[in-house]
Protein backbone atom coordinates (compact mmCIF):
# COMPACT_ATOMS: atom_id res chain seq x y z
CA UNK A 1 -10.82 12.57 8.26
CA UNK A 2 -8.65 11.02 10.99
CA UNK A 3 -5.77 12.23 13.16
CA UNK A 4 -3.94 9.13 11.97
CA UNK A 5 -3.44 10.73 8.55
CA UNK A 6 -1.78 14.17 8.59
CA UNK A 7 -2.38 16.33 5.53
CA UNK A 8 -0.23 19.29 4.50
CA UNK A 9 -0.12 21.28 1.27
CA UNK A 10 2.74 23.50 0.15
CA UNK A 11 4.87 24.15 -2.90
CA UNK A 12 2.54 22.24 -5.20
CA UNK A 13 2.89 19.08 -3.08
CA UNK A 14 0.20 17.43 -0.98
CA UNK A 15 1.91 15.47 1.79
CA UNK A 16 0.02 12.59 3.39
CA UNK A 17 1.67 11.26 6.55
CA UNK A 18 0.55 8.05 8.21
CA UNK A 19 0.54 8.89 11.90
CA UNK A 20 -0.26 5.87 14.01
CA UNK A 21 3.29 5.01 15.13
CA UNK A 22 2.19 3.37 18.38
CA UNK A 23 0.47 0.70 16.22
CA UNK A 24 3.24 0.63 13.59
CA UNK A 25 0.93 2.61 11.28
CA UNK A 26 -1.38 -0.38 10.87
CA UNK A 27 -4.13 0.88 8.58
CA UNK A 28 -7.70 1.23 9.80
CA UNK A 29 -10.81 1.80 7.68
CA UNK A 30 -10.70 5.51 8.62
CA UNK A 31 -7.08 5.76 7.48
CA UNK A 32 -7.87 4.08 4.15
CA UNK A 33 -10.77 6.48 3.70
CA UNK A 34 -8.68 9.55 4.48
CA UNK A 35 -5.87 8.52 2.13
CA UNK A 36 -8.27 7.62 -0.67
CA UNK A 37 -10.22 10.85 -0.41
CA UNK A 38 -7.06 12.97 -0.35
CA UNK A 39 -5.66 11.28 -3.46
CA UNK A 40 -8.99 11.64 -5.26
CA UNK A 41 -9.37 15.32 -4.32
CA UNK A 42 -5.83 16.17 -5.42
CA UNK A 43 -6.94 15.82 -9.04
CA UNK A 44 -9.31 18.77 -8.65
CA UNK A 45 -6.99 21.05 -6.68
CA UNK A 46 -4.99 23.32 -8.99
CA UNK A 47 -2.51 23.94 -6.18
CA UNK A 48 -1.58 20.25 -6.02
CA UNK A 49 0.64 18.80 -8.73
CA UNK A 50 2.14 15.90 -6.81
CA UNK A 51 1.23 13.76 -3.78
CA UNK A 52 3.90 12.60 -1.31
CA UNK A 53 3.14 9.64 0.98
CA UNK A 54 5.29 9.10 4.07
CA UNK A 55 5.01 7.84 7.65
CA UNK A 56 5.86 8.85 11.18
CA UNK A 57 7.58 6.41 13.51
CA UNK A 58 9.96 3.55 12.76
CA UNK A 59 7.77 1.74 10.22
CA UNK A 60 6.11 2.80 6.98
CA UNK A 61 3.11 0.60 7.74
CA UNK A 62 2.37 -2.81 9.22
CA UNK A 63 -0.40 -3.13 6.66
CA UNK A 64 -4.02 -3.75 7.50
CA UNK A 65 -4.87 -3.98 11.19
CA UNK A 66 -5.11 -7.77 11.73
CA UNK A 67 -7.80 -7.28 14.38
CA UNK A 68 -10.09 -5.93 11.65
CA UNK A 69 -9.51 -9.05 9.55
CA UNK A 70 -10.12 -11.32 12.54
CA UNK A 71 -13.37 -9.51 13.33
CA UNK A 72 -14.67 -10.12 9.81
CA UNK A 73 -13.70 -13.77 10.02
CA UNK A 74 -15.54 -14.05 13.34
CA UNK A 75 -18.71 -12.67 11.75
CA UNK A 76 -18.70 -9.24 13.39
CA UNK A 77 -21.52 -7.43 11.58
CA UNK A 78 -19.98 -3.97 12.01
CA UNK A 79 -16.65 -5.20 10.65
CA UNK A 80 -18.40 -6.82 7.70
CA UNK A 81 -20.31 -3.63 6.98
CA UNK A 82 -17.12 -1.55 7.13
CA UNK A 83 -15.58 -3.63 4.33
CA UNK A 84 -18.56 -3.28 1.99
CA UNK A 85 -17.81 -1.28 -1.12
CA UNK A 86 -14.16 -2.27 -1.20
CA UNK A 87 -11.07 -0.45 -0.01
CA UNK A 88 -11.27 3.31 -0.77
CA UNK A 89 -7.49 3.68 -0.96
CA UNK A 90 -7.08 0.94 -3.54
CA UNK A 91 -9.79 2.40 -5.76
CA UNK A 92 -8.17 5.84 -5.52
CA UNK A 93 -4.77 4.43 -6.46
CA UNK A 94 -6.23 2.78 -9.56
CA UNK A 95 -7.75 6.02 -10.86
CA UNK A 96 -5.08 8.44 -9.59
CA UNK A 97 -4.22 11.13 -12.13
CA UNK A 98 -1.86 13.10 -9.90
CA UNK A 99 1.73 11.78 -9.65
CA UNK A 100 2.47 9.89 -6.44
CA UNK A 101 5.81 9.81 -4.62
CA UNK A 102 6.54 7.54 -1.64
CA UNK A 103 9.16 7.83 1.11
CA UNK A 104 9.49 4.41 2.76
CA UNK A 105 11.17 3.96 6.13
CA UNK A 106 11.37 0.66 7.96
CA UNK A 107 8.97 -2.16 7.17
CA UNK A 108 6.25 -1.90 4.54
CA UNK A 109 3.91 -4.84 4.99
CA UNK A 110 1.14 -5.98 2.64
CA UNK A 111 -0.61 -2.92 1.25
CA UNK A 112 2.42 -0.93 2.39
CA UNK A 113 4.30 -2.62 -0.44
CA UNK A 114 1.51 -3.09 -2.98
CA UNK A 115 0.63 0.62 -2.91
CA UNK A 116 4.18 1.34 -4.08
CA UNK A 117 3.35 -0.31 -7.41
CA UNK A 118 1.02 2.65 -8.04
CA UNK A 119 3.54 5.30 -7.04
CA UNK A 120 5.50 7.01 -9.80
CA UNK A 121 8.64 7.56 -7.72
CA UNK A 122 9.68 5.54 -4.67
CA UNK A 123 12.53 6.36 -2.28
CA UNK A 124 13.51 3.85 0.40
CA UNK A 125 15.57 4.34 3.53
CA UNK A 126 18.47 1.99 4.16
CA UNK A 127 16.36 0.18 6.77
CA UNK A 128 13.40 -0.41 4.47
CA UNK A 129 12.03 -3.95 4.27
CA UNK A 130 9.17 -4.82 1.93
CA UNK A 131 6.91 -7.84 2.46
CA UNK A 132 3.63 -9.11 1.00
CA UNK A 133 2.71 -12.00 3.34
CA UNK A 134 -0.85 -12.46 2.08
CA UNK A 135 -0.72 -16.24 1.77
CA UNK A 136 0.75 -16.50 5.28
CA UNK A 137 -2.58 -15.09 6.46
CA UNK A 138 -4.54 -17.36 4.09
CA UNK A 139 -5.37 -14.33 1.96
CA UNK A 140 -4.59 -13.30 -1.63
CA UNK A 141 -2.86 -10.30 -3.24
CA UNK A 142 -4.74 -6.99 -3.52
CA UNK A 143 -4.28 -3.52 -5.06
CA UNK A 144 -3.90 -5.23 -8.47
CA UNK A 145 -0.54 -6.46 -7.22
CA UNK A 146 -1.19 -9.87 -8.79
CA UNK A 147 -0.39 -8.15 -12.09
CA UNK A 148 1.67 -5.09 -11.10
CA UNK A 149 4.27 -6.93 -9.03
CA UNK A 150 5.01 -9.78 -11.50
CA UNK A 151 5.18 -7.26 -14.35
CA UNK A 152 7.70 -5.24 -12.36
CA UNK A 153 9.95 -7.93 -10.90
CA UNK A 154 9.03 -11.17 -12.71
CA UNK A 155 6.77 -14.11 -11.84
CA UNK A 156 9.24 -16.14 -9.77
CA UNK A 157 10.25 -13.24 -7.53
CA UNK A 158 6.65 -12.10 -7.08
CA UNK A 159 5.48 -15.64 -6.28
CA UNK A 160 8.19 -15.91 -3.65
CA UNK A 161 7.08 -12.64 -2.06
CA UNK A 162 3.40 -13.58 -2.11
CA UNK A 163 3.56 -17.26 -1.18
CA UNK A 164 6.80 -17.66 0.79
CA UNK A 165 6.70 -14.18 2.31
CA UNK A 166 10.20 -13.30 1.07
CA UNK A 167 11.34 -9.95 2.44
CA UNK A 168 12.94 -7.47 0.06
CA UNK A 169 15.49 -5.07 1.49
CA UNK A 170 16.21 -1.56 0.25
CA UNK A 171 19.03 -2.48 -2.13
CA UNK A 172 17.08 -5.34 -3.65
CA UNK A 173 14.02 -3.09 -4.02
CA UNK A 174 16.08 -0.76 -6.20
CA UNK A 175 17.80 -3.56 -8.09
CA UNK A 176 14.43 -5.18 -8.85
CA UNK A 177 12.84 -1.93 -10.01
CA UNK A 178 10.42 -1.41 -7.12
CA UNK A 179 12.19 1.74 -5.91
CA UNK A 180 14.25 4.49 -7.47
CA UNK A 181 16.91 5.06 -4.86
CA UNK A 182 18.20 4.04 -1.43
CA UNK A 183 18.66 7.01 0.90
CA UNK A 184 20.09 7.33 4.43
CA UNK A 185 17.19 7.38 6.88
CA UNK A 186 17.94 10.91 8.03
CA UNK A 187 17.83 12.19 4.45
CA UNK A 188 14.79 10.22 3.24
CA UNK A 189 12.10 12.85 3.63
CA UNK A 190 14.19 15.63 2.15
CA UNK A 191 15.09 13.49 -0.87
CA UNK A 192 11.50 12.43 -1.51
CA UNK A 193 10.28 15.98 -0.98
CA UNK A 194 12.80 17.33 -3.48
CA UNK A 195 11.63 14.77 -6.03
CA UNK A 196 7.97 15.65 -5.43
CA UNK A 197 8.73 19.36 -5.86
CA UNK A 198 10.63 18.61 -9.07
CA UNK A 199 7.59 16.76 -10.43
CA UNK A 200 5.32 19.62 -9.34
CA UNK A 201 7.49 22.07 -11.26
CA UNK A 202 6.99 20.24 -14.56
CA UNK A 203 4.17 21.19 -16.98
CA UNK A 204 1.14 19.54 -15.33
CA UNK A 205 -0.78 18.53 -18.47
CA UNK A 206 2.26 16.84 -19.98
CA UNK A 207 2.96 15.04 -16.70
CA UNK A 208 -0.65 13.87 -16.35
CA UNK A 209 -0.81 12.58 -19.93
CA UNK A 210 2.53 10.79 -19.55
CA UNK A 211 1.34 9.06 -16.39
CA UNK A 212 -1.96 8.07 -18.03
CA UNK A 213 -0.20 6.61 -21.06
CA UNK A 214 2.00 4.49 -18.81
CA UNK A 215 -0.93 2.88 -16.99
CA UNK A 216 -4.00 0.79 -17.80
CA UNK A 217 -6.54 2.29 -15.41
CA UNK A 218 -9.40 0.03 -16.52
CA UNK A 219 -7.20 -3.04 -16.29
CA UNK A 220 -6.04 -2.14 -12.79
CA UNK A 221 -9.58 -1.51 -11.58
CA UNK A 222 -10.80 -4.76 -13.12
CA UNK A 223 -8.05 -6.80 -11.47
CA UNK A 224 -8.75 -5.10 -8.12
CA UNK A 225 -12.39 -6.16 -8.40
CA UNK A 226 -11.38 -9.73 -9.19
CA UNK A 227 -8.86 -9.84 -6.35
CA UNK A 228 -11.43 -8.31 -4.01
CA UNK A 229 -13.92 -11.13 -4.54
CA UNK A 230 -11.30 -13.76 -3.73
CA UNK A 231 -9.98 -11.70 -0.81
CA UNK A 232 -13.46 -11.39 0.72
CA UNK A 233 -14.08 -15.12 0.40
CA UNK A 234 -10.71 -16.05 1.90
CA UNK A 235 -11.19 -13.56 4.73
CA UNK A 236 -14.12 -15.64 6.00
CA UNK A 237 -12.52 -19.02 5.34
CA UNK A 238 -11.43 -21.72 7.83
CA UNK A 239 -7.86 -21.18 6.58
CA UNK A 240 -8.00 -17.54 7.62
CA UNK A 241 -9.51 -18.44 11.00
CA UNK A 242 -6.49 -20.64 11.71
CA UNK A 243 -4.05 -18.02 10.41
CA UNK A 244 -5.52 -15.24 12.58
CA UNK A 245 -5.64 -17.50 15.64
CA UNK A 246 -2.00 -18.45 15.13
CA UNK A 247 -1.05 -14.78 14.75
CA UNK A 248 -2.84 -13.87 17.98
CA UNK A 249 -1.31 -16.82 19.83
CA UNK A 250 2.15 -16.15 18.40
CA UNK A 251 2.55 -19.64 16.97
CA UNK A 252 3.01 -21.18 13.56
CA UNK A 253 -0.30 -21.92 11.80
CA UNK A 254 -1.24 -25.50 11.01
CA UNK A 255 -3.27 -25.76 7.84
CA UNK A 256 -3.03 -29.56 7.59
CA UNK A 257 -6.35 -30.12 9.38
CA UNK A 258 -8.27 -27.21 7.89
CA UNK A 259 -11.30 -28.50 5.98
């Protein structure tokens, strides 16, 4: 496990708190592993009937640590090895049997937004801002979001988020069906916690079956595999090299000369 993911269990709820605020909760391989393992193990813990995901600091998550992506693009063998076998969090989300609740404060970038498509209840603070800027980094959607997001909000809106990097604020997230409710920042955790405890108090078998009937686990896993192949290829592409360089140099990328 990692100190960057805090794990607490009480009242039938397993709380997973992203705890890397100094880096805006940018997700490392160790953090993905810890989150994935905790979600997987919740299924076999009779004392856990709901999982609550939240974050310390002023941002839910900045998404994947860009330095990890840049290292893969540069051919770093250790970085390449770390990405073998796929993302453990995404796989866990696809097969999750336990209900998931999210409390989103501040920005949720990339996987910070796409993971919400796998959560059963989502509460957003008034300052929440959701973005999926994959194409800006010369990458492609992941977490099966290429099907979950369009099915939730429609093709045109999803395309705008993926390709143009359109940001979605808290009110719009609720209006579009991404989130359940906007909550004042100071009340966010208590509201999400109350919802998680309410889920935990319901008959667990009925809840689990209901969740399973509402999802296509095989379809989600299959799309994640397909996305993963394209993601891996793009990660090592000349387009990505230019995107990561531009990010590091704090300039706009220029893809016009990329072969």
